[in-house]
Protein backbone atom coordinates (compact mmCIF):
# COMPACT_ATOMS: atom_id res chain seq x y z
CA MET A 1 -62.16 -2.26 -69.05
CA THR A 2 -64.56 -5.21 -68.64
CA LEU A 3 -66.68 -4.11 -71.54
CA THR A 4 -63.58 -3.69 -73.76
CA ILE A 5 -62.13 -7.10 -72.89
CA SER A 6 -65.46 -8.89 -73.35
CA SER A 7 -66.08 -7.20 -76.72
CA PHE A 8 -62.59 -8.02 -77.82
CA LEU A 9 -62.91 -11.67 -76.86
CA PHE A 10 -66.35 -11.85 -78.58
CA THR A 11 -64.66 -10.32 -81.76
CA ILE A 12 -61.82 -12.86 -81.63
CA SER A 13 -64.26 -15.71 -81.31
CA GLU A 14 -66.27 -14.46 -84.32
CA GLN A 15 -63.10 -14.08 -86.34
CA TYR A 16 -62.18 -17.64 -85.89
CA SER A 17 -65.70 -19.03 -86.33
CA ASN A 18 -65.08 -20.43 -89.85
CA CYS A 19 -65.09 -24.30 -90.01
CA SER A 20 -64.85 -27.14 -92.19
CA PRO A 21 -68.08 -29.10 -92.83
CA ILE A 22 -68.35 -32.21 -90.65
CA ASN A 23 -69.57 -34.22 -93.63
CA PRO A 24 -68.18 -32.36 -96.75
CA MET A 25 -70.19 -33.07 -99.94
CA ASN A 26 -67.99 -30.93 -102.24
CA ILE A 27 -69.01 -27.99 -99.90
CA THR A 28 -66.46 -25.09 -100.18
CA ASN A 29 -67.87 -22.44 -97.71
CA CYS A 30 -68.74 -23.08 -94.11
CA LYS A 31 -69.28 -21.10 -90.96
CA LYS A 32 -70.40 -21.83 -87.25
CA LEU A 33 -73.78 -20.46 -86.58
CA ILE A 34 -74.39 -18.58 -83.40
CA THR A 35 -76.76 -20.98 -81.80
CA LEU A 36 -77.45 -24.66 -81.12
CA GLY A 37 -73.87 -25.71 -82.08
CA ALA A 38 -74.73 -25.75 -85.74
CA GLU A 39 -72.59 -25.50 -88.74
CA PHE A 40 -73.71 -24.32 -92.09
CA GLY A 41 -71.97 -24.98 -95.44
CA TRP A 42 -72.89 -23.82 -98.92
CA ASN A 43 -71.92 -23.69 -102.61
CA ILE A 44 -72.99 -21.05 -105.05
CA HIS A 45 -73.68 -22.37 -108.55
CA SER A 46 -75.44 -19.18 -109.86
CA ASN A 47 -77.40 -16.20 -108.46
CA ASN A 48 -80.34 -18.52 -107.76
CA GLN A 49 -78.91 -22.02 -107.35
CA ILE A 50 -77.08 -23.13 -104.23
CA ASP A 51 -76.14 -26.24 -102.26
CA ILE A 52 -76.62 -26.08 -98.54
CA LEU A 53 -75.32 -28.40 -95.70
CA LEU A 54 -76.50 -27.97 -92.09
CA SER A 55 -74.74 -30.14 -89.40
CA ILE A 56 -74.86 -30.53 -85.64
CA LYS A 57 -72.62 -32.65 -83.40
CA ILE A 58 -74.46 -35.33 -81.39
CA SER A 59 -73.28 -37.35 -78.45
CA GLY A 60 -74.68 -39.43 -75.59
CA ASP A 61 -78.25 -40.31 -74.97
CA ASP A 62 -79.75 -36.81 -75.32
CA ARG A 63 -79.48 -36.53 -79.03
CA ALA A 64 -81.61 -34.61 -81.45
CA LYS A 65 -84.55 -36.34 -83.20
CA TRP A 66 -84.88 -33.84 -85.98
CA LEU A 67 -82.81 -31.19 -87.69
CA ALA A 68 -84.27 -28.43 -89.87
CA TRP A 69 -83.00 -25.65 -92.14
CA GLY A 70 -85.08 -23.21 -94.33
CA VAL A 71 -85.20 -19.97 -96.31
CA ASN A 72 -87.49 -17.19 -95.37
CA PRO A 73 -88.50 -14.64 -97.96
CA GLY A 74 -87.43 -11.00 -97.48
CA PRO A 75 -87.09 -8.20 -97.38
CA HIS A 76 -87.89 -8.14 -93.64
CA ARG A 77 -85.94 -9.90 -90.95
CA PRO A 78 -86.14 -13.71 -90.88
CA LYS A 79 -88.66 -15.52 -88.81
CA MET A 80 -90.22 -18.88 -88.46
CA VAL A 81 -93.60 -18.24 -90.07
CA GLY A 82 -93.35 -18.31 -93.87
CA THR A 83 -90.12 -20.53 -93.93
CA ARG A 84 -89.65 -22.97 -96.71
CA ALA A 85 -88.04 -25.71 -94.47
CA ILE A 86 -86.11 -28.93 -95.16
CA ILE A 87 -86.29 -31.19 -92.05
CA GLY A 88 -84.52 -34.49 -91.38
CA ILE A 89 -86.19 -36.85 -88.94
CA SER A 90 -84.31 -39.67 -87.24
CA GLN A 91 -85.57 -43.04 -87.95
CA PRO A 92 -85.30 -46.29 -85.75
CA ASN A 93 -82.81 -47.78 -88.25
CA GLY A 94 -80.47 -44.87 -87.65
CA THR A 95 -81.10 -42.99 -90.90
CA LEU A 96 -82.60 -39.56 -91.55
CA ALA A 97 -85.95 -39.12 -93.49
CA VAL A 98 -85.64 -35.83 -95.16
CA ARG A 99 -88.87 -33.93 -96.34
CA LYS A 100 -90.08 -30.44 -97.28
CA TYR A 101 -92.31 -28.51 -94.94
CA ASN A 102 -94.27 -25.29 -95.07
CA ILE A 103 -94.01 -23.46 -91.84
CA THR A 104 -97.29 -21.39 -91.34
CA SER A 105 -98.81 -19.43 -88.50
CA ASP A 106 -100.88 -22.62 -87.78
CA THR A 107 -97.56 -24.25 -86.71
CA ARG A 108 -96.96 -21.65 -84.06
CA LEU A 109 -100.38 -22.37 -82.68
CA GLY A 110 -99.47 -26.01 -82.17
CA CYS A 111 -101.07 -27.59 -85.25
CA ARG A 112 -99.46 -30.72 -86.67
CA LEU A 113 -96.68 -30.13 -89.15
CA GLN A 114 -96.97 -32.40 -92.17
CA PRO A 115 -94.66 -32.87 -95.21
CA SER A 116 -95.40 -30.82 -98.27
CA GLN A 117 -95.30 -31.89 -101.84
CA ASP A 118 -93.59 -28.79 -103.18
CA PHE A 119 -93.04 -25.15 -102.40
CA ASP A 120 -94.79 -22.37 -104.35
CA ASP A 121 -91.60 -20.65 -105.16
CA VAL A 122 -88.38 -22.47 -104.14
CA ILE A 123 -87.46 -25.57 -106.08
CA VAL A 124 -85.61 -28.42 -104.13
CA LYS A 125 -83.81 -30.59 -106.55
CA THR A 126 -81.90 -32.86 -104.10
CA MET A 127 -82.37 -33.78 -100.45
CA LYS A 128 -80.21 -36.07 -98.36
CA GLY A 129 -79.61 -36.74 -94.69
CA ASP A 130 -76.79 -38.43 -92.85
CA VAL A 131 -76.23 -39.54 -89.32
CA GLN A 132 -73.07 -40.86 -87.69
CA ALA A 133 -73.56 -42.28 -84.23
CA ASP A 134 -72.11 -40.07 -81.45
CA LYS A 135 -70.66 -37.77 -84.19
CA TYR A 136 -72.96 -35.67 -86.26
CA MET A 137 -76.34 -35.23 -87.94
CA SER A 138 -76.61 -33.39 -91.25
CA ILE A 139 -78.93 -32.52 -94.02
CA PHE A 140 -77.98 -31.62 -97.50
CA ALA A 141 -80.03 -30.06 -100.32
CA THR A 142 -79.76 -28.22 -103.70
CA LEU A 143 -82.10 -25.32 -104.16
CA ILE A 144 -83.18 -23.17 -107.03
CA LEU A 145 -84.41 -19.79 -105.63
CA PRO A 146 -86.95 -17.74 -107.59
CA PRO A 147 -85.59 -14.66 -109.62
CA ASP A 148 -87.19 -12.16 -107.35
CA PRO A 149 -84.27 -10.45 -105.63
CA ALA A 150 -86.57 -8.69 -103.03
CA ALA A 151 -87.59 -12.01 -101.56
CA TYR A 152 -84.54 -14.26 -102.26
CA ASN A 153 -81.16 -12.80 -102.66
CA ILE A 154 -77.85 -14.64 -102.06
CA SER A 155 -76.41 -11.45 -100.73
CA LYS A 156 -79.20 -11.08 -98.16
CA LEU A 157 -80.60 -14.58 -97.66
CA ASN A 158 -82.88 -15.00 -94.70
CA HIS A 159 -82.35 -18.39 -93.27
CA VAL A 160 -83.35 -20.27 -90.09
CA TRP A 161 -82.29 -23.38 -88.46
CA GLN A 162 -83.68 -25.57 -85.61
CA VAL A 163 -83.12 -28.69 -83.54
CA GLY A 164 -85.86 -30.75 -81.79
CA PHE A 165 -85.80 -33.71 -79.43
CA GLU A 166 -89.26 -35.23 -80.08
CA ALA A 167 -90.77 -36.38 -83.40
CA ASP A 168 -93.25 -38.91 -84.87
CA ASP A 169 -90.91 -40.98 -87.05
CA VAL A 170 -93.87 -42.91 -88.60
CA HIS A 171 -95.84 -39.85 -89.87
CA LEU A 172 -92.66 -37.73 -90.17
CA GLU A 173 -94.01 -35.09 -87.92
CA PRO A 174 -91.46 -33.11 -85.91
CA LYS A 175 -92.81 -31.99 -82.50
CA MET A 176 -92.36 -28.66 -80.90
CA HIS A 177 -88.79 -27.55 -80.21
CA SER A 178 -87.56 -26.03 -77.08
CA THR A 179 -88.24 -22.27 -76.39
CA ALA A 180 -84.91 -21.62 -74.98
CA LEU A 181 -82.89 -18.52 -76.09
CA GLN A 182 -80.79 -20.48 -78.58
CA ASN A 183 -83.96 -21.81 -80.27
CA VAL A 184 -85.54 -18.44 -80.43
CA ASP A 185 -82.38 -16.73 -81.84
CA SER A 186 -81.80 -19.34 -84.66
CA THR A 187 -82.25 -16.85 -87.41
CA GLU A 188 -79.89 -14.85 -89.62
CA THR A 189 -79.59 -12.76 -92.70
CA LEU A 190 -76.58 -14.19 -94.42
CA ASN A 191 -74.43 -12.90 -97.34
CA LEU A 192 -73.50 -16.13 -99.12
CA THR A 193 -70.70 -14.27 -100.97
CA SER A 194 -68.85 -12.73 -98.02
CA ALA A 195 -70.13 -15.27 -95.38
CA ARG A 196 -71.05 -12.36 -93.07
CA GLY A 197 -74.41 -12.81 -91.15
CA ILE A 198 -76.46 -10.21 -89.37
CA SER A 199 -79.41 -10.81 -87.09
CA ILE A 200 -81.12 -9.32 -84.05
CA GLY A 201 -80.19 -12.45 -82.19
CA HIS A 202 -76.59 -11.92 -83.07
CA ARG A 203 -76.53 -8.47 -81.41
CA ARG A 204 -78.48 -9.72 -78.38
CA HIS A 205 -76.14 -12.68 -78.16
CA HIS A 206 -73.32 -10.20 -77.75
CA LEU A 207 -75.20 -8.12 -75.24
CA ARG A 208 -76.10 -11.21 -73.24
CA LYS A 209 -72.44 -12.11 -72.93
CA VAL A 210 -71.65 -8.66 -71.77
CA HIS A 211 -74.51 -8.69 -69.32
CA GLY A 212 -73.32 -12.02 -67.92
CA ILE A 213 -69.70 -10.99 -67.57
CA LEU A 214 -70.58 -7.73 -65.88
CA ASN A 215 -72.84 -9.51 -63.33
CA ILE A 216 -70.39 -12.37 -62.60
CA VAL A 217 -67.48 -9.82 -62.04
CA GLY A 218 -69.59 -7.17 -60.25
CA TRP A 219 -72.24 -8.96 -58.18
CA GLY A 220 -70.49 -12.44 -58.10
CA THR A 221 -66.84 -11.56 -57.57
CA LEU A 222 -66.17 -8.08 -56.16
CA LEU A 223 -69.02 -7.97 -53.61
CA PRO A 224 -68.01 -11.23 -51.97
CA LEU A 225 -64.34 -10.11 -51.99
CA GLY A 226 -65.38 -6.97 -50.15
CA VAL A 227 -67.29 -8.95 -47.58
CA ILE A 228 -64.20 -11.12 -46.94
CA ILE A 229 -62.06 -8.00 -46.37
CA ALA A 230 -64.57 -6.49 -43.93
CA ARG A 231 -64.93 -9.75 -42.01
CA TYR A 232 -61.41 -10.86 -41.58
CA TYR A 233 -59.18 -7.72 -41.87
CA ARG A 234 -61.13 -5.24 -39.65
CA ARG A 235 -59.94 -6.07 -36.28
CA TYR A 236 -59.84 -9.80 -35.83
CA PRO A 237 -58.15 -12.13 -36.70
CA PHE A 238 -56.07 -9.56 -38.75
CA HIS A 239 -55.90 -5.84 -38.43
CA CYS A 240 -55.40 -3.88 -41.62
CA GLN A 241 -55.58 -0.09 -41.27
CA LYS A 242 -56.75 0.22 -44.88
CA TRP A 243 -59.59 -2.37 -44.58
CA TYR A 244 -62.36 0.14 -44.83
CA VAL A 245 -61.01 1.66 -47.95
CA LEU A 246 -60.47 -1.74 -49.56
CA HIS A 247 -63.95 -2.93 -48.50
CA VAL A 248 -65.67 0.22 -49.85
CA SER A 249 -63.70 0.21 -53.04
CA CYS A 250 -64.58 -3.34 -53.82
CA GLN A 251 -68.35 -2.64 -53.05
CA ILE A 252 -68.51 0.55 -55.07
CA VAL A 253 -66.80 -1.01 -58.21
CA GLY A 254 -68.86 -4.29 -57.89
CA TYR A 255 -72.05 -2.33 -57.45
CA SER A 256 -71.33 -0.16 -60.44
CA LEU A 257 -70.50 -3.04 -62.70
CA GLY A 258 -73.46 -5.12 -61.43
CA THR A 259 -75.87 -2.26 -61.91
CA THR A 260 -74.60 -1.72 -65.48
CA GLY A 261 -75.16 -5.48 -66.12
CA TRP A 262 -78.56 -5.25 -64.53
CA ALA A 263 -79.54 -2.32 -66.75
CA ILE A 264 -78.48 -4.27 -69.83
CA GLY A 265 -80.56 -7.20 -68.64
CA LEU A 266 -83.61 -4.85 -68.33
CA TRP A 267 -83.14 -3.74 -71.79
CA LEU A 268 -82.81 -7.25 -73.12
CA GLY A 269 -85.95 -8.25 -71.28
CA HIS A 270 -87.87 -5.28 -72.70
CA ALA A 271 -86.69 -5.89 -76.23
CA SER A 272 -87.59 -9.67 -76.10
CA ARG A 273 -91.18 -10.17 -77.01
CA HIS A 274 -91.11 -13.85 -77.50
CA TYR A 275 -89.72 -15.04 -74.10
CA SER A 276 -89.35 -14.06 -70.50
CA PHE A 277 -87.65 -15.39 -67.39
CA PRO A 278 -89.68 -14.21 -64.44
CA THR A 279 -87.53 -15.98 -61.73
CA HIS A 280 -84.30 -14.39 -63.05
CA ARG A 281 -85.98 -11.00 -63.40
CA ILE A 282 -87.45 -11.04 -59.89
CA LEU A 283 -84.18 -12.20 -58.20
CA ALA A 284 -82.37 -9.46 -60.17
CA MET A 285 -84.78 -6.84 -58.90
CA PHE A 286 -84.30 -8.11 -55.35
CA ILE A 287 -80.54 -8.02 -55.67
CA PHE A 288 -80.43 -4.43 -57.11
CA ALA A 289 -82.89 -3.05 -54.54
CA PHE A 290 -81.28 -4.48 -51.42
CA THR A 291 -77.72 -3.96 -52.68
CA THR A 292 -78.55 -0.26 -53.25
CA LEU A 293 -79.90 -0.24 -49.63
CA GLN A 294 -76.62 -1.67 -48.52
CA MET A 295 -74.65 0.98 -50.45
CA LEU A 296 -76.57 3.76 -48.60
CA ALA A 297 -74.64 2.74 -45.51
CA LEU A 298 -71.78 4.84 -46.93
CA ARG A 299 -73.59 7.95 -45.85
CA LEU A 300 -76.57 6.95 -43.73
CA LYS A 301 -75.25 4.39 -41.23
CA PRO A 302 -75.55 5.35 -37.50
CA THR A 303 -72.50 6.55 -35.47
CA PRO A 304 -70.79 4.08 -33.10
CA SER A 305 -72.23 6.04 -30.14
CA ASP A 306 -75.89 5.52 -31.24
CA ASP A 307 -77.83 3.07 -29.03
CA TYR A 308 -79.23 1.14 -32.01
CA ARG A 309 -75.89 0.82 -33.80
CA LYS A 310 -75.45 -2.84 -32.75
CA TYR A 311 -78.96 -3.69 -34.23
CA TRP A 312 -78.06 -1.91 -37.43
CA ASP A 313 -74.81 -3.92 -37.59
CA MET A 314 -76.78 -7.16 -37.26
CA TYR A 315 -79.16 -6.09 -40.06
CA HIS A 316 -76.28 -4.94 -42.29
CA HIS A 317 -74.32 -8.28 -41.89
CA PHE A 318 -77.38 -10.61 -42.25
CA LEU A 319 -78.69 -8.78 -45.39
CA GLY A 320 -75.08 -8.82 -46.87
CA TYR A 321 -74.80 -12.63 -46.40
CA ALA A 322 -78.27 -13.17 -47.74
CA LEU A 323 -77.50 -11.12 -50.86
CA LEU A 324 -74.44 -13.26 -51.57
CA ALA A 325 -76.53 -16.43 -51.51
CA VAL A 326 -79.22 -14.87 -53.74
CA ILE A 327 -76.51 -13.52 -56.15
CA SER A 328 -74.94 -17.00 -56.55
CA VAL A 329 -78.37 -18.61 -57.27
CA ASN A 330 -79.26 -15.95 -59.87
CA ILE A 331 -75.98 -16.21 -61.63
CA PHE A 332 -76.34 -20.01 -62.01
CA ASN A 333 -79.89 -19.34 -63.20
CA GLY A 334 -78.62 -16.91 -65.77
CA ILE A 335 -75.93 -19.35 -67.01
CA ALA A 336 -78.70 -22.04 -67.30
CA ILE A 337 -80.66 -19.52 -69.40
CA LEU A 338 -77.94 -18.38 -71.59
CA LYS A 339 -76.41 -21.87 -72.04
CA PRO A 340 -73.00 -20.53 -73.04
CA ASP A 341 -69.87 -22.61 -73.29
CA LYS A 342 -69.25 -24.85 -70.28
CA THR A 343 -66.17 -22.64 -69.48
CA TRP A 344 -68.57 -20.01 -67.97
CA LEU A 345 -70.13 -22.41 -65.52
CA TRP A 346 -66.81 -24.00 -64.45
CA ALA A 347 -65.15 -20.54 -64.17
CA TYR A 348 -67.79 -19.28 -61.75
CA ILE A 349 -67.71 -22.58 -59.84
CA GLY A 350 -64.01 -22.00 -59.59
CA VAL A 351 -64.56 -18.41 -58.26
CA LEU A 352 -66.96 -19.67 -55.62
CA SER A 353 -64.62 -22.55 -54.69
CA VAL A 354 -61.74 -20.16 -54.14
CA PHE A 355 -63.88 -17.86 -51.97
CA ALA A 356 -65.27 -20.84 -50.01
CA VAL A 357 -61.63 -22.17 -49.35
CA ILE A 358 -60.62 -18.76 -48.24
CA ALA A 359 -63.56 -18.21 -46.04
CA LEU A 360 -63.35 -21.70 -44.47
CA GLY A 361 -59.60 -21.23 -43.85
CA MET A 362 -60.17 -17.86 -42.35
CA GLU A 363 -62.93 -19.07 -40.10
CA ILE A 364 -60.79 -22.02 -38.82
CA PHE A 365 -57.89 -19.66 -38.22
CA THR A 366 -60.24 -17.21 -36.58
CA TRP A 367 -61.83 -19.77 -34.11
CA GLY A 368 -58.40 -21.39 -33.49
CA LYS A 369 -56.87 -17.99 -32.57
CA PHE A 370 -60.03 -17.06 -30.49
CA ILE A 371 -59.86 -20.29 -28.46
CA PHE A 372 -56.05 -19.99 -27.95
CA THR A 373 -56.37 -16.39 -26.89
CA SER A 374 -59.29 -17.16 -24.54
CA ARG A 375 -57.34 -19.92 -22.85
CA LYS A 376 -54.30 -17.70 -22.49
CA ASN A 377 -56.38 -14.88 -20.98
CA ARG A 378 -58.01 -17.30 -18.56
CA GLN A 379 -54.67 -18.71 -17.54
CA ALA A 380 -53.14 -15.28 -16.97
CA PRO A 381 -55.00 -14.33 -13.75
CA ILE A 382 -54.17 -17.81 -12.38
CA ARG A 383 -50.51 -17.43 -13.06
CA ALA A 384 -50.59 -13.85 -11.68
CA LEU A 385 -52.33 -15.03 -8.42
CA SER A 386 -49.95 -17.93 -8.16
CA ALA A 387 -47.06 -15.42 -8.52
CA ASP A 388 -48.55 -13.17 -5.82
CA ASN A 389 -49.07 -16.14 -3.41
CA ASN A 390 -45.45 -17.18 -3.95
CA ALA A 391 -44.26 -13.62 -3.22
CA GLU A 392 -46.25 -13.42 0.03
CA ALA A 393 -45.20 -16.87 1.27
CA PRO A 394 -42.40 -16.90 4.01
CA GLN A 395 -38.98 -17.84 2.67
CA ALA A 396 -37.13 -20.69 4.11
CA GLY A 397 -35.26 -19.66 7.37
CA GLN A 398 -37.23 -16.35 7.72
CA GLY A 399 -40.22 -17.60 9.60
CA PRO A 400 -41.13 -16.22 12.98
CA GLN A 401 -38.80 -17.31 15.85
CA ALA A 402 -40.22 -19.26 18.73
CA ASN A 403 -40.13 -17.42 22.05
C-alpha cells in the first residue's frame, strides 16, 4: 500500500511539473527539471535550431554564483565530460557574464575551466544572462545543432545543467560544484517535441523517494509506536489484554517495510558509482542487524521462569531504545542527503513531536499514578492498625469495675 501511494503521488507531481518560464523571452515550452530547483524552457525553430532558457530561483544570502546548461552528444546517456556548456557567472555589479565552455576529462580532475572561443560542432548565435535580486537567475541562448542525428537529435537531446556557489568573476572561471545527489543527477535525455525526459537519475530519484518513505513509515513510525504500546499498555499504567498482539503487529509490519526500504537503499548504493554515503550506510547496517536480533525475540526469548529472564528483559529494552535513537539520527541523515522538499523534514519532525508528547504525557501520568498508589498503599496499614486499636480499646462505661 505504501509503495502504491508513494508511486501515485510521484506520478501526480510529475504530471503537474509543467511551468511558465520565470523570465519569458518568447519561450513557449517549459518544464521543471528533477534537480536543483531548475526550470528549462525552449523553442524549436527547425530540426537543428532551438532557443533554450534555464532558470533557478534565488533567495537569501546563500545564492548561486554560476549557472550552467549544455548539450552532450549522443547516442549514449548524458554525462558531464564532452558537454558543450553555456555558463553564466555572477558579477559584482549584479549582472551575469555568459560564456561558452568545453567540459573535458581534465575538468573532472580539477583543472581550471576557461572560456572557449567556439565549439567544434554546435553554433551558439545568441547568449544572454539575467538576474533579479532575490527572485531568479537565468541564461538564454540560441543554438544551431549539427545535422548528425546520432549525436544531436531534438527528439533525444542529451542535456545537463548545474549550479555552483564559487567562481572567479574576474577570469570567468566557475569553481567545482557540490557533489550532492542533486548535482550528480542533473542530466537528462529530453524529447523537445513531447517534453518527456528520461534519465537514470530520474528513475533513481523515484526509488530514493520510495526508499525514504518506507524507512520513515517502517523504522521511524511503526517501531516507536510498538514500543509505546509495550511500555504503557502491558500492565502499568494501563492494562490492555491485546497489548502483545498490537506490539508484535507494529513491530512485524514496521520491520517488513523498513527491511524493504533498506534493500532498496542497498541497490541504490551498489548502482551509484560516483558517490557514497558511508555514515548513512553504516548506521543502516547497524539498524537492520540489531532490529533483526530484536525480532528473534518472537521465538527465542526465555520463558518467565528462567533465571536470566530479567537480564534478557534489560538487554531487550535497552537495545530497543538505542535503536530508536539511531533510527531517528539516520532518517535525518538520509533527508539531508536526499534534500527533498522541506515537507519531508517537517513531517518527520511532526511524527517525532507527537511521539515525544505522548511518551512525556504517559511518563508523567505513570509516575503520578505510581506515587499516588504508593502513598495509598503505605497509608492502608496505618489505617488498618488504627482501626484495630480502636476496636480493642474499652468503650466508655465498660471498663473494669473497682472492687
